[in-house]
Amino acid sequence: MSCVNNGIGTYSGEAAHCGAVPPQTYAVIVAAGSGRRAGGGLPKQFHLLAAQMVFLYAVRAFLRADAATHIIVVVHPDYRELASEGLSRLCEEMPFQYDVVDGGATRWLSVKNGLTVIPDDVNGLVAVHDGARPLVTAEMIAEGWKCGAETGACVAAVPVTDSLRVCGSDGSSHAVDRSRYMAVQTPQVFDT
């Protein structure tokens, strides 16, 4: 098995497969944001966390959940080379198929750009995940793949732990029963 990069910034239109069967799972890792609030000169998805770029933790988790997952990383053009270097190093350790594509002016345009890599005739599952969320686990992703296969679409959600209040137009407020609410996260999974 060897690393396969179908191209930096563009898709070759021809699937190259690290050895055997074409992947039936695709992970679009959206890492095109500016991450300015994090400081440090680089967007937070490229900061080092224990000697590894933040977005690579998500890539590892997807590959642990399904080693055949085709990884699509969407980045700002200024960080394409940096992302490609990180993916290439990781690919030496654990071979996988990936593409790096340019992001758009908004998150949804970035996701759209990532989705263009997936062939129209594929029958599989797609997960969209934020590259600045390194704590996703392989178990959470595997559950997403399972749920997506059974229902056609699903999203990760966790119980709300923050205090919530409903505010009235008169300035009054009252506490909300948090047990009824979930906070939506990524990955978001759907079938093709």
Foldseek 3Di string as FASTA:
>chain_A
DAAAECDQADHPLDDDFPPDDQDQEEEEAEAADQCPVVDDPGRQQQDDDPNARQLVLVVVQQCVLPVAYEYEYEYAVVCSVVVVVRVNVVCVVRHYHYYYHYADPDRVRSVVRSVVNDDPPRWHKYWYAYSNDNPDHNVNVNVQRVVQVVPFWDFDWAQDPDWDWDADPVGDIDTDDSVVDIHTHDTIMGTD
